[in-house]
Amino acid sequence: MFKRLIQFSFCLFFLLQESQELNSPKGATVIDKQPYLGLKRWQWWLLVALNIAFLLVGQTVSTLLGRFYYDQGGNSKWMATLVQTVAFPILYIPLLLTPSSPGSSAPTITKPSIRVLSLIYIFLGLLLAANNMMYSVGLLYLPVSTYSLLCATQLAFNAVFSFLINRQKFTALILNSVVILTLSASLLAVGSESSEPTGVSKGKYILGFISTLCASAVYSLLLSLMQFSFEKVIKKQTFSVVLDMQIYTSIVATCACIVGLFASGEWSGLTEEMVGFKKGKVSYVMTLVWTAIAWQICSVGVVGLIFVVSSLFSNVISTLALPLIPIVAVITFHDKMDGVKVIAMLMAIWGFSTHIYQNYLDDSKLKATTTDAVEVRDPLTS
């Protein structure tokens, strides 16, 4: 059953790919893309739902396993960073299973040179490696609940970068979302004394706090730069092109992490780390393996949503794990969920909700405009 579901999702990707790059009008977003992709509405929503599931499951599992790695005796920040991209060969599976697109009568678009593409992949790959390292430092020194709440600020950062780089609208509701999420992070900073985990000094806690905030900002910048590259440099956004971006940047990031692992000397302590892992050697290996796989499942979801919708929507959906991760962390790792964190979580959810509502208003307005333009009424429009 699962195999058939995967095959069906790839068939949907092929149908999307046949529509060719950016045939939809400028500014098309969540709802209005569907009529231009040649899909029935239920097929489009099923594809979106499948990618959302990949993103949320992958993000939640990888975060919890990352914290488990540290709790059971893992200490290598470079290893924790490496597993976030080292399983990139998994991404070749959907790439190989997706049939190549047949010839199109659309005007030929001048392809960027290999040199330009290489520079883009190298720059974004190094940025990805730095971003993953900052996330690893944050997860090392922060409780999972605090870490995940701080990661929600990436939505605010993405709104700013999308406005500056991708020319997304910056409305009153988006501004409200940015302010609320900023206040949520500030509230966690003020209440940090009650959140510091056992055995972590205040200095390291602050380092983890700042690293997570910086990682959220860099991640948002990375998504906006990817979308900018598709629109202005590569000038197309088929499934294979988006997946290539993910694969080649992951290769660069993986190479950078391997260099860092050996240059820092952490590689020499990996054997001792495995022997001293509280749950045993097999558990140590399986933790790293499944963490790497979970990150790539998340990547498939991110790639799919960037392709079908946009980088902004992909980032918005990633914050849906916000209410889930802290609750699971309290149950699994016995994190403290005091009043400050509860209020911060509620504020973050409110900020997320206003952002989603703005997207809904934009999509409804654009859908109505498109319908009026072609004088066609869609009976399934909600």
Protein backbone atom coordinates (compact mmCIF):
# COMPACT_ATOMS: atom_id res chain seq x y z
CA MET A 1 0.00 0.00 0.00
CA PHE A 2 2.77 2.41 0.95
CA LYS A 3 4.66 1.59 -2.23
CA ARG A 4 1.58 2.37 -4.32
CA LEU A 5 1.12 5.65 -2.48
CA ILE A 6 4.72 6.64 -3.24
CA GLN A 7 4.32 5.67 -6.89
CA PHE A 8 1.13 7.69 -7.11
CA SER A 9 2.86 10.72 -5.61
CA PHE A 10 5.61 10.48 -8.22
CA CYS A 11 2.98 10.26 -10.97
CA LEU A 12 1.50 13.46 -9.61
CA PHE A 13 4.95 15.03 -9.66
CA PHE A 14 5.28 14.00 -13.30
CA LEU A 15 1.96 15.63 -14.13
CA LEU A 16 3.18 18.75 -12.42
CA GLN A 17 6.45 18.62 -14.32
CA GLU A 18 4.64 18.45 -17.64
CA SER A 19 3.11 21.83 -16.95
CA GLN A 20 6.65 23.24 -17.40
CA GLU A 21 8.34 25.91 -15.45
CA LEU A 22 6.30 28.79 -14.13
CA ASN A 23 3.37 28.67 -16.54
CA SER A 24 1.20 30.17 -13.85
CA PRO A 25 0.84 33.94 -13.61
CA LYS A 26 3.36 36.03 -11.68
CA GLY A 27 2.57 35.95 -7.98
CA ALA A 28 0.70 32.63 -8.07
CA THR A 29 0.57 31.00 -4.66
CA VAL A 30 -1.15 28.14 -2.90
CA ILE A 31 -4.62 27.95 -4.39
CA ASP A 32 -4.19 29.61 -7.76
CA LYS A 33 -1.38 27.32 -8.94
CA GLN A 34 -3.66 24.30 -9.07
CA PRO A 35 -5.67 25.21 -12.22
CA TYR A 36 -2.42 25.75 -14.15
CA LEU A 37 -0.87 22.41 -13.18
CA GLY A 38 -3.36 20.23 -15.06
CA LEU A 39 -4.51 18.45 -11.90
CA LYS A 40 -7.90 17.88 -10.39
CA ARG A 41 -8.31 19.75 -7.14
CA TRP A 42 -8.31 16.60 -4.98
CA GLN A 43 -5.10 15.40 -6.66
CA TRP A 44 -3.40 18.72 -6.00
CA TRP A 45 -4.44 18.74 -2.37
CA LEU A 46 -3.35 15.12 -1.93
CA LEU A 47 0.09 16.02 -3.26
CA VAL A 48 0.32 18.99 -0.92
CA ALA A 49 -0.86 16.87 2.04
CA LEU A 50 1.70 14.15 1.27
CA ASN A 51 4.55 16.66 1.26
CA ILE A 52 3.28 18.28 4.46
CA ALA A 53 3.29 14.85 6.13
CA PHE A 54 6.87 14.18 4.98
CA LEU A 55 8.01 17.56 6.28
CA LEU A 56 6.31 17.34 9.68
CA VAL A 57 7.20 13.71 10.41
CA GLY A 58 10.79 14.14 9.25
CA GLN A 59 11.30 17.36 11.20
CA THR A 60 9.78 16.03 14.42
CA VAL A 61 11.59 12.68 14.39
CA SER A 62 14.97 14.18 13.43
CA THR A 63 14.75 16.80 16.19
CA LEU A 64 13.85 14.26 18.87
CA LEU A 65 16.55 11.82 17.74
CA GLY A 66 19.08 14.65 17.72
CA ARG A 67 18.27 15.41 21.34
CA PHE A 68 18.37 11.66 22.15
CA TYR A 69 21.88 11.47 20.66
CA TYR A 70 23.13 14.16 23.05
CA ASP A 71 21.25 12.81 26.07
CA GLN A 72 22.71 9.31 25.68
CA GLY A 73 26.32 10.46 25.55
CA GLY A 74 26.88 11.86 22.05
CA ASN A 75 29.11 14.95 22.09
CA SER A 76 30.24 15.55 18.50
CA LYS A 77 28.65 18.71 17.10
CA TRP A 78 30.15 17.96 13.69
CA MET A 79 28.61 14.48 13.65
CA ALA A 80 25.24 15.92 14.64
CA THR A 81 25.64 18.39 11.76
CA LEU A 82 26.82 15.77 9.27
CA VAL A 83 23.77 13.52 9.70
CA GLN A 84 21.52 16.37 8.59
CA THR A 85 22.73 16.05 4.98
CA VAL A 86 24.83 12.87 4.65
CA ALA A 87 21.85 10.75 3.56
CA PHE A 88 21.32 12.91 0.46
CA PRO A 89 21.59 9.85 -1.88
CA ILE A 90 18.03 9.00 -0.75
CA LEU A 91 16.90 12.00 -2.79
CA TYR A 92 18.02 10.22 -5.96
CA ILE A 93 15.15 7.73 -5.49
CA PRO A 94 12.36 10.20 -6.35
CA LEU A 95 14.61 11.76 -8.99
CA LEU A 96 15.14 8.42 -10.74
CA LEU A 97 11.52 7.28 -10.36
CA THR A 98 10.19 10.49 -11.87
CA PRO A 99 9.97 10.11 -15.67
CA SER A 100 11.73 12.73 -17.72
CA SER A 101 9.48 15.41 -19.09
CA PRO A 102 8.61 15.12 -22.79
CA GLY A 103 9.49 17.86 -25.20
CA SER A 104 7.58 21.09 -24.89
CA SER A 105 6.58 23.70 -27.40
CA ALA A 106 7.28 26.46 -24.90
CA PRO A 107 9.99 28.97 -25.84
CA THR A 108 13.49 27.76 -25.05
CA ILE A 109 14.92 29.31 -21.91
CA THR A 110 18.64 30.01 -21.88
CA LYS A 111 20.20 27.75 -19.27
CA PRO A 112 22.73 29.19 -16.84
CA SER A 113 26.30 28.02 -17.35
CA ILE A 114 27.79 25.20 -15.31
CA ARG A 115 30.08 27.75 -13.66
CA VAL A 116 27.12 29.84 -12.49
CA LEU A 117 25.23 26.79 -11.24
CA SER A 118 28.34 25.54 -9.44
CA LEU A 119 28.81 28.87 -7.68
CA ILE A 120 25.16 28.84 -6.59
CA TYR A 121 25.36 25.28 -5.27
CA ILE A 122 28.66 25.92 -3.46
CA PHE A 123 27.50 29.14 -1.84
CA LEU A 124 24.13 27.75 -0.74
CA GLY A 125 25.75 24.46 0.33
CA LEU A 126 28.25 26.23 2.61
CA LEU A 127 25.42 28.36 3.97
CA LEU A 128 23.45 25.17 4.64
CA ALA A 129 26.42 23.61 6.49
CA ALA A 130 26.80 26.71 8.69
CA ASN A 131 23.06 26.71 9.35
CA ASN A 132 23.06 23.03 10.35
CA MET A 133 26.01 23.61 12.70
CA MET A 134 24.16 26.41 14.47
CA TYR A 135 21.12 24.17 14.84
CA SER A 136 23.35 21.43 16.32
CA VAL A 137 24.82 23.84 18.87
CA GLY A 138 21.35 25.04 19.82
CA LEU A 139 20.02 21.52 20.28
CA LEU A 140 23.08 20.59 22.37
CA TYR A 141 22.61 23.36 24.95
CA LEU A 142 18.83 23.87 24.95
CA PRO A 143 15.88 21.72 26.03
CA VAL A 144 13.92 20.45 23.02
CA SER A 145 10.86 22.49 24.01
CA THR A 146 12.81 25.77 24.15
CA TYR A 147 14.70 24.88 20.97
CA SER A 148 11.54 24.18 18.97
CA LEU A 149 9.83 27.35 20.19
CA LEU A 150 12.83 29.42 19.11
CA CYS A 151 12.80 27.71 15.71
CA ALA A 152 9.32 29.17 15.18
CA THR A 153 10.96 32.58 14.71
CA GLN A 154 12.07 31.40 11.27
CA LEU A 155 8.57 32.34 10.10
CA ALA A 156 9.15 35.95 11.12
CA PHE A 157 12.59 35.96 9.49
CA ASN A 158 11.16 34.43 6.33
CA ALA A 159 8.49 37.14 6.10
CA VAL A 160 11.23 39.77 6.20
CA PHE A 161 13.53 38.04 3.69
CA SER A 162 10.62 37.24 1.36
CA PHE A 163 9.71 40.92 1.41
CA LEU A 164 13.27 42.05 0.70
CA ILE A 165 14.34 39.33 -1.75
CA ASN A 166 11.20 37.77 -3.26
CA ARG A 167 8.97 40.87 -3.14
CA GLN A 168 6.28 39.20 -1.06
CA LYS A 169 3.66 41.54 0.37
CA PHE A 170 4.17 42.76 3.94
CA THR A 171 0.67 43.34 5.30
CA ALA A 172 -0.64 44.25 8.74
CA LEU A 173 -1.29 40.57 9.54
CA ILE A 174 2.23 39.58 8.48
CA LEU A 175 3.64 42.41 10.61
CA ASN A 176 1.53 41.16 13.52
CA SER A 177 2.97 37.67 12.99
CA VAL A 178 6.54 39.01 13.01
CA VAL A 179 5.96 41.04 16.18
CA ILE A 180 4.22 38.20 18.05
CA LEU A 181 6.91 35.66 17.17
CA THR A 182 9.63 38.12 18.17
CA LEU A 183 7.91 38.71 21.53
CA SER A 184 7.59 34.95 21.97
CA ALA A 185 11.35 34.52 21.57
CA SER A 186 11.98 37.49 23.86
CA LEU A 187 9.75 35.95 26.50
CA LEU A 188 11.81 32.76 26.40
CA ALA A 189 14.97 34.84 26.80
CA VAL A 190 13.57 36.62 29.86
CA GLY A 191 12.47 33.34 31.40
CA SER A 192 15.68 31.51 30.59
CA GLU A 193 16.69 30.96 34.23
CA SER A 194 13.90 28.45 34.75
CA SER A 195 14.63 26.69 31.44
CA GLU A 196 18.33 25.95 31.73
CA PRO A 197 18.86 22.17 31.53
CA THR A 198 20.84 20.35 34.18
CA GLY A 199 24.59 20.41 33.60
CA VAL A 200 24.54 23.33 31.16
CA SER A 201 26.10 26.61 32.28
CA LYS A 202 24.37 29.92 31.72
CA GLY A 203 27.01 30.89 29.15
CA LYS A 204 26.41 27.74 27.11
CA TYR A 205 22.65 28.21 27.40
CA ILE A 206 22.98 31.74 25.98
CA LEU A 207 25.23 30.38 23.21
CA GLY A 208 22.60 27.79 22.32
CA PHE A 209 19.87 30.44 22.44
CA ILE A 210 21.73 32.80 20.08
CA SER A 211 22.80 29.93 17.78
CA THR A 212 19.21 28.76 17.36
CA LEU A 213 17.97 32.27 16.57
CA CYS A 214 20.78 32.77 14.05
CA ALA A 215 20.05 29.36 12.52
CA SER A 216 16.39 30.28 12.11
CA ALA A 217 17.39 33.50 10.34
CA VAL A 218 19.91 31.75 8.07
CA TYR A 219 17.42 28.98 7.20
CA SER A 220 14.84 31.57 6.15
CA LEU A 221 17.47 33.40 4.11
CA LEU A 222 18.46 30.12 2.49
CA LEU A 223 14.90 29.37 1.35
CA SER A 224 14.43 32.87 -0.05
CA LEU A 225 17.76 32.66 -1.91
CA MET A 226 16.75 29.30 -3.37
CA GLN A 227 13.49 30.72 -4.65
CA PHE A 228 15.34 33.76 -6.02
CA SER A 229 17.76 31.43 -7.83
CA PHE A 230 14.87 29.53 -9.43
CA GLU A 231 13.13 32.70 -10.57
CA LYS A 232 16.05 34.93 -11.65
CA VAL A 233 18.98 32.65 -12.51
CA ILE A 234 17.79 29.14 -13.33
CA LYS A 235 14.47 30.56 -14.57
CA LYS A 236 12.54 27.36 -14.15
CA GLN A 237 11.21 25.31 -11.29
CA THR A 238 10.43 21.76 -12.36
CA PHE A 239 10.56 18.93 -9.85
CA SER A 240 13.95 17.68 -11.08
CA VAL A 241 15.48 21.17 -10.94
CA VAL A 242 14.29 21.75 -7.38
CA LEU A 243 15.52 18.31 -6.35
CA ASP A 244 18.89 18.97 -8.01
CA MET A 245 19.20 22.09 -5.89
CA GLN A 246 18.59 20.06 -2.73
CA ILE A 247 20.99 17.27 -3.75
CA TYR A 248 23.96 19.40 -4.84
CA THR A 249 23.74 21.80 -1.89
CA SER A 250 23.60 18.75 0.40
CA ILE A 251 26.73 17.34 -1.28
CA VAL A 252 28.60 20.59 -0.63
CA ALA A 253 27.32 20.77 2.96
CA THR A 254 28.28 17.13 3.59
CA CYS A 255 31.81 17.69 2.27
CA ALA A 256 32.17 20.78 4.46
CA CYS A 257 31.02 18.82 7.52
CA ILE A 258 33.46 15.98 6.82
CA VAL A 259 36.30 18.49 6.57
CA GLY A 260 35.14 20.10 9.82
CA LEU A 261 34.87 16.71 11.54
CA PHE A 262 38.50 15.85 10.75
CA ALA A 263 39.92 19.37 11.12
CA SER A 264 38.38 19.75 14.57
CA GLY A 265 39.74 16.38 15.73
CA GLU A 266 36.29 15.15 16.77
CA TRP A 267 36.65 12.12 14.49
CA SER A 268 39.25 10.63 16.84
CA GLY A 269 36.73 10.47 19.68
CA LEU A 270 33.89 8.80 17.75
CA THR A 271 34.91 5.26 18.69
CA GLU A 272 35.02 6.16 22.37
CA GLU A 273 31.72 7.98 21.99
CA MET A 274 30.09 4.88 20.49
CA VAL A 275 31.45 2.63 23.25
CA GLY A 276 30.23 5.03 25.95
CA PHE A 277 26.74 5.49 24.45
CA LYS A 278 24.29 4.65 27.23
CA LYS A 279 21.99 2.53 25.06
CA GLY A 280 24.83 0.58 23.43
CA LYS A 281 26.74 0.53 20.16
CA VAL A 282 23.85 -0.69 18.01
CA SER A 283 21.60 2.03 19.38
CA TYR A 284 24.31 4.61 18.66
CA VAL A 285 24.58 3.59 15.02
CA MET A 286 20.81 3.31 14.55
CA THR A 287 20.26 6.73 16.13
CA LEU A 288 22.60 8.35 13.61
CA VAL A 289 21.19 6.37 10.68
CA TRP A 290 17.55 7.15 11.43
CA THR A 291 18.34 10.77 12.19
CA ALA A 292 19.93 11.07 8.75
CA ILE A 293 16.97 9.33 7.08
CA ALA A 294 14.46 11.51 8.95
CA TRP A 295 16.24 14.68 7.79
CA GLN A 296 15.99 13.53 4.16
CA ILE A 297 12.30 12.70 4.53
CA CYS A 298 11.92 16.26 5.77
CA SER A 299 13.91 17.47 2.76
CA VAL A 300 11.55 15.69 0.36
CA GLY A 301 8.67 17.54 1.98
CA VAL A 302 10.49 20.86 1.78
CA VAL A 303 11.39 20.32 -1.88
CA GLY A 304 7.85 19.28 -2.76
CA LEU A 305 6.24 22.30 -1.12
CA ILE A 306 8.75 24.72 -2.66
CA PHE A 307 7.96 23.24 -6.06
CA VAL A 308 4.19 23.02 -5.74
CA VAL A 309 3.70 26.23 -3.73
CA SER A 310 6.59 28.46 -2.60
CA SER A 311 9.47 28.73 -0.13
CA LEU A 312 7.32 30.91 2.11
CA PHE A 313 4.57 28.31 2.33
CA SER A 314 7.14 25.57 2.93
CA ASN A 315 8.53 27.53 5.86
CA VAL A 316 5.06 28.25 7.21
CA ILE A 317 4.18 24.55 7.21
CA SER A 318 7.42 23.64 8.99
CA THR A 319 6.19 25.65 11.98
CA LEU A 320 3.20 23.31 12.29
CA ALA A 321 5.50 21.03 14.31
CA LEU A 322 5.62 23.80 16.92
CA PRO A 323 2.84 22.49 19.17
CA LEU A 324 3.90 18.87 18.64
CA ILE A 325 7.62 18.84 19.46
CA PRO A 326 7.42 20.54 22.91
CA ILE A 327 4.63 18.21 24.02
CA VAL A 328 6.52 15.11 22.88
CA ALA A 329 9.69 16.50 24.48
CA VAL A 330 7.96 16.91 27.85
CA ILE A 331 6.79 13.28 27.68
CA THR A 332 10.02 11.80 26.30
CA PHE A 333 12.78 13.92 27.83
CA HIS A 334 10.88 15.33 30.83
CA ASP A 335 11.53 18.92 29.78
CA LYS A 336 10.15 21.60 32.06
CA MET A 337 7.00 23.12 30.53
CA ASP A 338 6.48 26.08 32.84
CA GLY A 339 4.11 28.99 32.42
CA VAL A 340 6.62 31.03 30.42
CA LYS A 341 6.95 28.32 27.78
CA VAL A 342 3.20 27.76 27.62
CA ILE A 343 2.60 31.47 27.02
CA ALA A 344 5.43 31.61 24.47
CA MET A 345 3.95 28.61 22.65
CA LEU A 346 0.47 30.15 22.58
CA MET A 347 1.91 33.42 21.26
CA ALA A 348 3.84 31.56 18.58
CA ILE A 349 0.71 29.67 17.53
CA TRP A 350 -1.16 32.95 17.34
CA GLY A 351 1.59 34.46 15.18
CA PHE A 352 1.49 31.41 12.94
CA SER A 353 -2.30 31.60 12.66
CA THR A 354 -2.30 35.24 11.55
CA HIS A 355 0.30 34.37 8.92
CA ILE A 356 -1.85 31.50 7.62
CA TYR A 357 -4.93 33.75 7.59
CA GLN A 358 -3.10 36.33 5.48
CA ASN A 359 -2.16 33.58 3.01
CA TYR A 360 -5.82 32.54 2.92
CA LEU A 361 -6.93 36.12 2.14
CA ASP A 362 -4.30 36.48 -0.61
CA ASP A 363 -5.24 33.16 -2.18
CA SER A 364 -8.97 33.93 -2.09
CA LYS A 365 -8.43 37.33 -3.69
CA LEU A 366 -6.12 36.00 -6.40
CA LYS A 367 -8.41 33.06 -7.11
CA ALA A 368 -11.38 35.39 -7.57
CA THR A 369 -9.34 37.62 -9.88
CA THR A 370 -8.23 34.64 -11.98
CA THR A 371 -11.77 33.30 -12.21
CA ASP A 372 -13.10 36.66 -13.38
CA ALA A 373 -10.33 36.93 -15.97
CA VAL A 374 -11.08 33.60 -17.68
CA GLU A 375 -14.84 33.75 -16.96
CA VAL A 376 -14.86 30.24 -15.60
CA ARG A 377 -16.36 29.18 -12.31
CA ASP A 378 -14.86 26.27 -10.41
CA PRO A 379 -17.66 24.43 -8.51
CA LEU A 380 -15.08 22.95 -6.08
CA THR A 381 -13.76 26.34 -5.01
CA SER A 382 -14.21 26.76 -1.31
